[in-house]
Protein backbone atom coordinates (compact mmCIF):
# COMPACT_ATOMS: atom_id res chain seq x y z
CA MET A 1 113.01 57.57 100.57
CA HIS A 2 114.58 55.28 103.15
CA CYS A 3 111.24 55.18 105.02
CA THR A 4 109.39 54.14 101.85
CA ARG A 5 111.87 51.34 101.15
CA PHE A 6 111.57 50.13 104.75
CA LEU A 7 107.77 49.99 104.52
CA VAL A 8 107.98 48.05 101.24
CA TYR A 9 110.41 45.62 102.93
CA LEU A 10 108.01 45.07 105.83
CA PHE A 11 105.14 44.47 103.42
CA LEU A 12 107.10 41.85 101.46
CA LEU A 13 108.27 40.20 104.66
CA ALA A 14 104.68 39.91 105.90
CA CYS A 15 103.60 38.35 102.61
CA LEU A 16 106.38 35.78 102.63
CA THR A 17 106.31 34.83 106.32
CA PRO A 18 104.09 31.83 107.22
CA THR A 19 101.20 32.49 109.57
CA VAL A 20 101.88 31.57 113.20
CA GLY A 21 100.14 28.34 114.20
CA TRP A 22 100.44 26.42 110.99
CA SER A 23 100.22 22.68 111.40
CA GLN A 24 102.37 19.71 110.62
CA THR A 25 100.50 19.30 107.32
CA GLY A 26 101.93 22.58 106.07
CA ALA A 27 98.69 24.57 105.85
CA ASP A 28 99.06 28.28 106.46
CA SER A 29 96.34 28.69 109.06
CA PHE A 30 95.61 27.13 112.42
CA VAL A 31 92.98 24.37 112.38
CA VAL A 32 91.37 22.89 115.47
CA GLY A 33 93.69 20.20 116.82
CA ASP A 34 96.92 21.50 115.28
CA LEU A 35 100.06 21.55 117.38
CA LEU A 36 101.38 24.53 119.28
CA PRO A 37 105.18 24.74 119.55
CA ASP A 38 105.07 23.39 123.12
CA ALA A 39 102.78 20.44 122.38
CA PRO A 40 103.88 17.25 124.19
CA GLU A 41 105.29 14.33 122.22
CA LEU A 42 102.25 12.09 121.72
CA ALA A 43 99.99 14.97 120.63
CA ALA A 44 101.30 14.72 117.06
CA ARG A 45 99.02 13.06 114.53
CA GLY A 46 99.66 9.46 113.64
CA PRO A 47 100.59 7.85 110.31
CA HIS A 48 97.06 7.53 108.89
CA SER A 49 95.14 9.98 106.78
CA VAL A 50 91.62 10.56 108.12
CA GLY A 51 88.20 10.20 106.57
CA VAL A 52 84.87 11.22 108.09
CA ARG A 53 81.29 10.16 107.42
CA SER A 54 77.91 10.82 109.00
CA LEU A 55 75.28 8.24 109.89
CA THR A 56 71.91 8.38 111.62
CA LEU A 57 71.01 5.61 114.05
CA THR A 58 67.58 5.05 115.62
CA HIS A 59 67.18 3.56 119.08
CA ALA A 60 63.62 2.29 118.89
CA ASP A 61 61.01 1.94 121.64
CA GLN A 62 62.67 3.90 124.44
CA LEU A 63 61.06 5.46 127.51
CA ASP A 64 60.01 9.05 126.83
CA VAL A 65 60.62 10.39 130.34
CA LEU A 66 59.96 13.98 129.30
CA HIS A 67 56.30 13.07 128.80
CA THR A 68 55.59 11.00 131.91
CA LYS A 69 52.08 11.71 133.16
CA ASP A 70 50.03 10.14 135.93
CA GLY A 71 52.72 7.52 136.52
CA GLN A 72 52.74 6.41 132.89
CA THR A 73 55.63 6.93 130.46
CA PRO A 74 55.09 6.64 126.70
CA ARG A 75 57.73 5.20 124.41
CA TYR A 76 59.41 6.73 121.38
CA ASN A 77 62.26 6.30 118.91
CA ARG A 78 65.47 8.15 119.75
CA VAL A 79 67.19 9.45 116.61
CA LEU A 80 70.97 9.62 117.15
CA PRO A 81 73.14 11.21 114.43
CA VAL A 82 76.76 10.06 114.69
CA GLU A 83 79.99 11.26 113.11
CA ILE A 84 82.59 8.62 112.29
CA TRP A 85 86.32 9.27 111.77
CA TYR A 86 88.52 6.47 110.43
CA PRO A 87 91.88 5.75 108.77
CA ALA A 88 91.50 6.62 105.10
CA ARG A 89 93.19 6.65 101.72
CA ILE A 90 93.41 10.21 100.41
CA PRO A 91 93.98 10.57 96.62
CA ALA A 92 96.89 12.79 95.64
CA ARG A 93 94.53 15.33 94.09
CA LYS A 94 92.46 15.67 97.28
CA THR A 95 93.12 17.77 100.38
CA GLU A 96 92.62 16.33 103.87
CA ARG A 97 90.21 19.10 104.83
CA VAL A 98 86.58 19.17 105.89
CA VAL A 99 84.13 21.90 106.87
CA TYR A 100 81.97 21.09 109.89
CA ASP A 101 78.53 22.65 110.41
CA GLN A 102 77.78 23.70 113.97
CA VAL A 103 75.55 26.14 115.84
CA MET A 104 75.98 28.47 118.78
CA GLY A 105 73.19 29.15 121.22
CA SER A 106 70.70 26.95 123.02
CA SER A 107 67.37 25.90 121.60
CA ASN A 108 65.80 26.08 125.08
CA ASP A 109 67.03 29.61 125.87
CA PRO A 110 65.32 32.51 124.05
CA LYS A 111 68.19 34.81 125.04
CA ARG A 112 70.61 32.61 123.07
CA PRO A 113 69.17 31.99 119.59
CA LEU A 114 70.74 29.35 117.38
CA ILE A 115 73.42 30.85 115.12
CA PRO A 116 74.94 28.58 112.45
CA PHE A 117 78.69 28.66 111.89
CA THR A 118 81.34 26.48 110.29
CA PHE A 119 84.87 25.49 111.18
CA ASP A 120 87.60 23.49 109.45
CA GLY A 121 88.97 20.08 110.29
CA ARG A 122 91.74 17.87 108.96
CA ALA A 123 89.79 14.98 107.44
CA LEU A 124 88.24 14.21 104.06
CA ARG A 125 84.48 13.74 103.84
CA ASP A 126 83.47 10.26 102.59
CA ALA A 127 87.07 9.24 101.89
CA GLU A 128 87.97 5.68 100.92
CA VAL A 129 88.61 3.44 103.91
CA ASP A 130 92.14 2.24 104.66
CA ARG A 131 91.42 -1.25 106.00
CA GLY A 132 94.95 -2.15 107.07
CA ASP A 133 96.01 -5.59 108.26
CA LYS A 134 93.39 -5.96 110.99
CA ALA A 135 90.33 -4.26 112.42
CA TYR A 136 90.93 -1.02 114.32
CA PRO A 137 89.91 -0.47 117.96
CA LEU A 138 86.66 1.43 118.42
CA VAL A 139 86.34 4.66 120.43
CA ILE A 140 82.90 6.09 121.30
CA VAL A 141 82.65 9.79 122.27
CA SER A 142 79.82 11.31 124.33
CA HIS A 143 79.41 15.09 124.63
CA GLY A 144 78.15 17.27 127.49
CA TYR A 145 74.82 18.99 128.08
CA LEU A 146 74.48 20.95 125.91
CA GLY A 147 76.89 19.84 123.23
CA SER A 148 77.24 18.00 119.95
CA ARG A 149 79.17 15.24 118.24
CA LEU A 150 81.53 17.92 116.85
CA LEU A 151 82.62 19.33 120.21
CA LEU A 152 85.90 17.37 120.42
CA THR A 153 87.07 17.17 116.80
CA TYR A 154 90.65 18.02 117.86
CA LEU A 155 90.67 14.63 119.61
CA THR A 156 88.46 12.53 117.32
CA GLU A 157 90.52 13.34 114.21
CA ASN A 158 93.77 12.86 116.12
CA LEU A 159 92.80 9.40 117.33
CA ALA A 160 91.64 8.31 113.88
CA SER A 161 95.06 9.28 112.51
CA LYS A 162 96.56 6.84 115.04
CA GLY A 163 94.54 3.84 113.90
CA TYR A 164 91.18 4.03 115.70
CA VAL A 165 87.63 4.22 114.40
CA VAL A 166 86.04 7.03 116.40
CA VAL A 167 82.27 7.46 116.67
CA ALA A 168 80.84 10.61 118.29
CA ILE A 169 77.14 10.74 119.21
CA ASP A 170 74.58 13.53 119.02
CA HIS A 171 72.52 12.61 122.09
CA ALA A 172 68.87 13.40 121.39
CA GLU A 173 67.37 16.19 123.57
CA SER A 174 70.86 17.13 124.75
CA THR A 175 72.38 19.08 121.84
CA PHE A 176 72.52 22.79 121.08
CA ARG A 177 69.84 22.25 118.41
CA ASP A 178 67.32 20.15 120.36
CA ALA A 179 67.82 20.85 124.07
CA GLY A 180 65.22 19.04 126.15
CA GLY A 181 64.53 18.48 129.83
CA PHE A 182 67.42 17.21 131.95
CA PRO A 183 65.77 13.86 132.88
CA SER A 184 66.27 12.66 129.31
CA THR A 185 70.02 13.20 129.63
CA LEU A 186 70.15 11.58 133.07
CA LEU A 187 68.47 8.42 131.80
CA ASN A 188 69.69 8.06 128.24
CA ARG A 189 73.42 8.73 128.30
CA SER A 190 74.47 5.22 129.26
CA LEU A 191 71.70 3.66 127.18
CA ASP A 192 72.76 5.61 124.07
CA ASP A 193 76.39 4.55 124.56
CA LEU A 194 75.50 0.87 124.80
CA PHE A 195 73.15 1.10 121.82
CA VAL A 196 75.81 2.73 119.64
CA LEU A 197 78.33 0.08 120.68
CA ASN A 198 75.89 -2.64 119.60
CA GLU A 199 75.18 -0.86 116.32
CA MET A 200 78.89 -0.54 115.56
CA ALA A 201 79.30 -4.26 116.25
CA ARG A 202 76.39 -5.01 113.90
CA LEU A 203 77.58 -2.71 111.11
CA SER A 204 81.17 -3.95 111.32
CA ALA A 205 80.23 -7.61 111.01
CA LYS A 206 81.41 -9.48 107.94
CA GLY A 207 78.77 -9.40 105.26
CA SER A 208 77.39 -6.06 106.39
CA LYS A 209 76.74 -3.69 103.53
CA SER A 210 78.10 -0.81 105.60
CA PHE A 211 81.50 0.75 104.91
CA LEU A 212 82.25 -0.32 108.51
CA SER A 213 82.20 -4.02 107.60
CA GLY A 214 85.43 -5.54 108.89
CA LEU A 215 86.83 -2.10 109.74
CA LEU A 216 86.54 -1.99 113.53
CA ASP A 217 86.80 -4.33 116.48
CA ALA A 218 83.87 -3.65 118.80
CA ASN A 219 85.32 -6.16 121.27
CA ASN A 220 88.15 -3.68 121.85
CA THR A 221 86.36 -0.43 122.67
CA GLY A 222 87.26 2.76 124.52
CA LEU A 223 84.64 5.19 125.80
CA ILE A 224 85.26 8.94 126.12
CA GLY A 225 82.75 11.17 127.89
CA TYR A 226 82.71 14.86 128.80
CA SER A 227 80.62 16.25 131.68
CA MET A 228 77.25 14.49 131.26
CA GLY A 229 79.05 12.23 128.81
CA GLY A 230 81.41 11.30 131.66
CA TYR A 231 78.41 10.72 133.93
CA GLY A 232 77.04 8.18 131.43
CA ALA A 233 80.38 6.59 130.57
CA LEU A 234 81.16 5.75 134.20
CA ASN A 235 77.76 4.13 134.56
CA VAL A 236 78.33 2.03 131.44
CA ALA A 237 81.66 0.88 132.88
CA GLY A 238 80.28 -0.32 136.23
CA ALA A 239 79.61 2.71 138.47
CA GLY A 240 75.96 2.07 139.22
CA TYR A 241 73.92 5.08 140.27
CA SER A 242 72.70 5.52 143.84
CA ALA A 243 69.16 5.36 145.20
CA GLN A 244 69.48 9.14 145.64
CA ALA A 245 69.99 9.54 141.89
CA ALA A 246 66.79 7.63 141.16
CA LYS A 247 64.88 10.18 143.26
CA LEU A 248 65.60 12.78 140.59
CA PHE A 249 62.85 11.08 138.57
CA THR A 250 59.08 11.02 138.88
CA GLN A 251 57.82 7.75 140.32
CA LEU A 252 56.04 5.46 137.91
CA SER A 253 53.04 3.34 138.73
CA GLY A 254 54.28 0.70 141.17
CA GLY A 255 56.70 3.09 142.87
CA SER A 256 59.78 2.59 140.66
CA THR A 257 61.51 5.22 138.51
CA ALA A 258 62.94 5.13 135.01
CA LEU A 259 66.50 5.30 136.38
CA ASP A 260 66.14 2.32 138.71
CA SER A 261 67.54 -0.06 136.11
CA ARG A 262 70.84 1.87 136.07
CA THR A 263 71.34 1.84 139.85
CA MET A 264 73.74 -0.41 141.72
CA ALA A 265 70.83 -1.95 143.60
CA SER A 266 69.11 -3.17 140.43
CA PRO A 267 69.42 -6.95 139.94
CA ASP A 268 69.61 -6.33 136.18
CA TYR A 269 72.24 -3.57 136.17
CA LYS A 270 75.40 -5.65 136.57
CA ALA A 271 74.41 -7.80 133.59
CA THR A 272 74.63 -4.69 131.37
CA ILE A 273 78.29 -3.97 132.21
CA ASP A 274 79.90 -4.67 128.85
CA PRO A 275 83.30 -6.42 128.77
CA ARG A 276 83.91 -5.07 125.27
CA ILE A 277 84.66 -1.67 126.87
CA ARG A 278 88.32 -1.91 127.85
CA ALA A 279 89.06 1.71 128.86
CA VAL A 280 87.22 4.91 129.82
CA VAL A 281 88.31 8.55 129.59
CA ALA A 282 86.10 10.75 131.78
CA PHE A 283 86.50 14.50 131.27
CA ALA A 284 84.95 16.48 134.16
CA PRO A 285 82.23 13.88 134.91
CA TRP A 286 79.14 15.43 136.49
CA GLY A 287 77.06 14.09 139.36
CA MET A 288 79.05 13.37 142.51
CA GLU A 289 78.09 16.59 144.30
CA ARG A 290 74.42 15.75 143.62
CA GLY A 291 74.61 12.31 145.20
CA VAL A 292 74.57 10.41 141.92
CA TRP A 293 77.06 7.88 143.30
CA ASP A 294 77.71 6.39 146.70
CA ALA A 295 80.60 4.21 147.88
CA ASP A 296 79.02 0.98 146.57
CA GLY A 297 78.41 2.47 143.15
CA LEU A 298 81.93 3.81 142.74
CA ALA A 299 83.39 0.50 143.94
CA GLY A 300 81.64 -1.13 140.97
CA LEU A 301 83.94 0.66 138.53
CA ARG A 302 86.61 -1.86 137.52
CA THR A 303 87.42 -0.67 134.00
CA PRO A 304 90.72 1.25 133.67
CA THR A 305 89.76 4.93 133.74
CA PHE A 306 91.57 8.17 132.97
CA PHE A 307 89.95 11.18 134.67
CA VAL A 308 90.60 14.76 133.57
CA ALA A 309 89.56 17.72 135.73
CA GLY A 310 90.05 21.39 136.44
CA SER A 311 90.90 22.17 140.06
CA LYS A 312 88.35 25.03 140.03
CA ASP A 313 85.54 23.18 138.27
CA ASP A 314 82.36 25.06 139.14
CA VAL A 315 79.98 22.69 137.33
CA SER A 316 81.00 19.18 138.38
CA GLY A 317 83.07 20.23 141.40
CA TYR A 318 86.58 19.08 142.13
CA GLU A 319 87.36 18.00 145.72
CA LYS A 320 83.80 16.81 146.38
CA GLY A 321 83.13 16.09 142.75
CA ILE A 322 85.58 14.63 140.24
CA LYS A 323 88.38 13.92 142.70
CA ALA A 324 85.87 12.24 145.04
CA ILE A 325 84.82 9.94 142.18
CA TYR A 326 88.48 9.14 141.52
CA ASP A 327 89.14 8.45 145.21
CA GLY A 328 86.03 6.26 145.52
CA ALA A 329 86.73 4.09 142.47
CA VAL A 330 88.88 1.82 144.61
CA ASN A 331 88.63 -1.22 142.31
CA ALA A 332 89.79 0.49 139.12
CA ASP A 333 93.27 1.17 137.78
CA ARG A 334 92.80 4.92 137.47
CA TYR A 335 94.56 8.17 136.71
CA LEU A 336 93.56 11.75 137.46
CA LEU A 337 95.05 14.56 135.37
CA THR A 338 94.31 17.95 136.94
CA TYR A 339 94.64 21.32 135.24
CA LEU A 340 95.39 23.69 138.10
CA ASN A 341 93.08 26.73 138.15
CA ALA A 342 91.00 25.42 135.25
CA ARG A 343 87.23 25.25 135.52
CA HIS A 344 84.94 22.90 133.62
CA ASN A 345 86.04 23.31 129.99
CA VAL A 346 88.95 20.85 130.03
CA ALA A 347 87.67 18.88 127.03
CA PRO A 348 86.15 20.89 124.14
CA ASN A 349 87.58 22.48 121.02
CA PRO A 350 88.90 26.05 121.33
CA PRO A 351 86.36 28.89 121.08
CA PRO A 352 85.32 29.21 117.43
CA ALA A 353 86.01 32.46 115.64
CA ALA A 354 82.25 33.00 115.41
CA SER A 355 82.05 33.26 119.21
CA LEU A 356 84.31 36.34 119.18
CA LYS A 357 81.80 38.55 117.38
CA PRO A 358 80.62 41.53 119.46
CA GLY A 359 77.08 41.47 120.80
CA LEU A 360 76.85 37.73 121.38
CA HIS A 361 75.91 36.24 124.73
CA PHE A 362 79.09 35.83 126.80
CA ASP A 363 78.47 32.09 127.21
CA GLU A 364 78.88 31.47 123.47
CA TYR A 365 82.58 32.08 124.15
CA TYR A 366 82.68 30.59 127.64
CA ARG A 367 81.10 27.35 126.49
CA TYR A 368 84.59 26.61 125.19
CA ALA A 369 87.10 28.94 126.84
CA GLU A 370 89.02 28.65 130.09
CA PRO A 371 89.87 31.82 132.08
CA ALA A 372 93.40 30.73 133.08
CA TRP A 373 94.40 28.35 130.27
CA ASN A 374 94.94 28.43 126.52
CA GLU A 375 92.36 25.96 125.19
CA ARG A 376 94.65 24.96 122.32
CA ARG A 377 97.29 23.96 124.85
CA ILE A 378 94.71 21.93 126.78
CA ASN A 379 93.79 20.21 123.50
CA ASN A 380 97.42 19.23 122.82
CA ILE A 381 97.92 17.91 126.36
CA ASN A 382 94.70 15.89 126.10
CA GLN A 383 95.82 14.46 122.75
CA HIS A 384 99.09 13.37 124.37
CA PHE A 385 97.63 11.67 127.42
CA VAL A 386 94.58 10.09 125.76
CA THR A 387 96.94 8.65 123.12
CA ALA A 388 99.06 7.14 125.89
CA PHE A 389 96.13 5.76 127.90
CA LEU A 390 94.16 4.27 125.01
CA GLY A 391 97.37 3.06 123.39
CA MET A 392 98.14 1.04 126.53
CA HIS A 393 94.69 -0.51 126.89
CA LEU A 394 93.43 -0.86 123.31
CA LYS A 395 96.70 -1.37 121.41
CA GLN A 396 98.96 -2.80 124.15
CA LEU A 397 101.62 -0.17 123.42
CA ASP A 398 104.40 0.53 125.89
CA TYR A 399 103.19 4.00 126.92
CA ALA A 400 103.04 3.58 130.70
CA SER A 401 106.07 5.81 131.28
CA PHE A 402 104.19 8.77 129.78
CA LEU A 403 101.55 8.38 132.51
CA ASP A 404 103.57 7.27 135.52
CA VAL A 405 105.05 10.69 136.21
CA PRO A 406 105.63 12.69 139.44
CA GLN A 407 102.37 14.02 140.88
CA GLU A 408 103.37 17.66 140.44
CA ALA A 409 104.65 18.73 137.05
CA ASN A 410 106.83 21.40 138.64
CA GLU A 411 108.88 18.79 140.56
CA LYS A 412 110.50 17.21 137.54
CA PRO A 413 109.73 17.54 133.81
CA TRP A 414 107.22 14.94 132.70
CA LYS A 415 108.22 12.54 129.93
CA GLY A 416 107.23 13.83 126.51
CA PHE A 417 107.03 17.50 127.52
CA LYS A 418 109.37 20.13 126.11
CA PRO A 419 111.73 22.02 128.46
CA ARG A 420 110.02 24.63 130.65
CA SER A 421 106.55 23.64 129.36
CA CYS A 422 105.56 21.24 132.13
CA VAL A 423 103.75 23.50 134.60
CA GLY A 424 100.23 23.86 135.98
CA LEU A 425 99.47 20.13 135.97
CA GLU A 426 99.09 17.31 138.46
CA MET A 427 98.84 13.56 137.83
CA ARG A 428 97.59 10.97 140.29
CA HIS A 429 97.60 7.21 139.78
CA ASN A 430 96.06 4.54 141.96
CA LYS A 431 95.69 0.82 141.35
CA PRO A 432 93.06 -1.47 142.89
């Protein structure tokens, strides 16, 4: 009898106890981007509700480097779907919740077929815009190869809640759904970023019929890139590619290559460095170990840059890769946050539940997961530091003390971190 009563008590207790991981919005299940109990201070969402909309942009008349033949390259239109998060007004009867459609797999790998799945976010699809007193800073997000515009929703939603308009790009021929040859990614990352910046400026102009009219300030833009997205973002911000990088391409008639215009030696390259981009966040940028940059190219980076890396990165490299980029960018005010013993996945969402199903290719899980870190914790730490860095440079907020911390987290607790939670991290900071 006593055993039966005890079991009934346990059952009732389980029914009444909230699920572990519930967020600050009071939902009873963990959603990508929610806070863990040890999340640092600035990881918390901001005061704005968040809306999300999808647009499709077309970058017309671009070089089709995947079809170069006999020294001739045809031209084509690059179709670029984008997802846009923004401060919104959420009616009382509506829930700030959205379902995102994503796929696992790789369209260029027959061993990894495309498998659709969905996951939840904390935004409302097509919500009314909250225009506020002035236009919001713009943040452009560029994914890795392969990836998608939905790979960093924990960060894109978080930033929108803090008063940014955030635009994430699906880079053509570089997503899970449409994987193409690598030369397309090498050439088009920086070009796509600049095109989207120009489109956002056009659509936000007064008199535009877009919902973006008057909403964002394209003259006050931050650029976030992960892996190949970091490769492109650094180039946009002034790190011209090397002559060695151009050799990755087939020569065109006349001896030039398609990438020549993005190299430091190009007379036209410096004119493309856009002063509207005020800050760059480069997660695990690829290319240094392959000779993509030399000393002259890295010295061209003058935009404030926040680097994020894993000390065991086996894709972009650390000592001769990401840290070498950081060390070589001698003319930039720059930070380097290092996750000790992390590999390459220091930027994406946590592994989706769909990736845990038995029988799937191991890389469906390891496209997101880190072997020595909790990805949700990485997400919270990234939310904290990206908030501080972009807040300083795009909103002129007094957040410097959150970044100017001792190099080793174990020496002294970093500002904003809860007691005993500040381990496994390093922060470097160098000024020009």
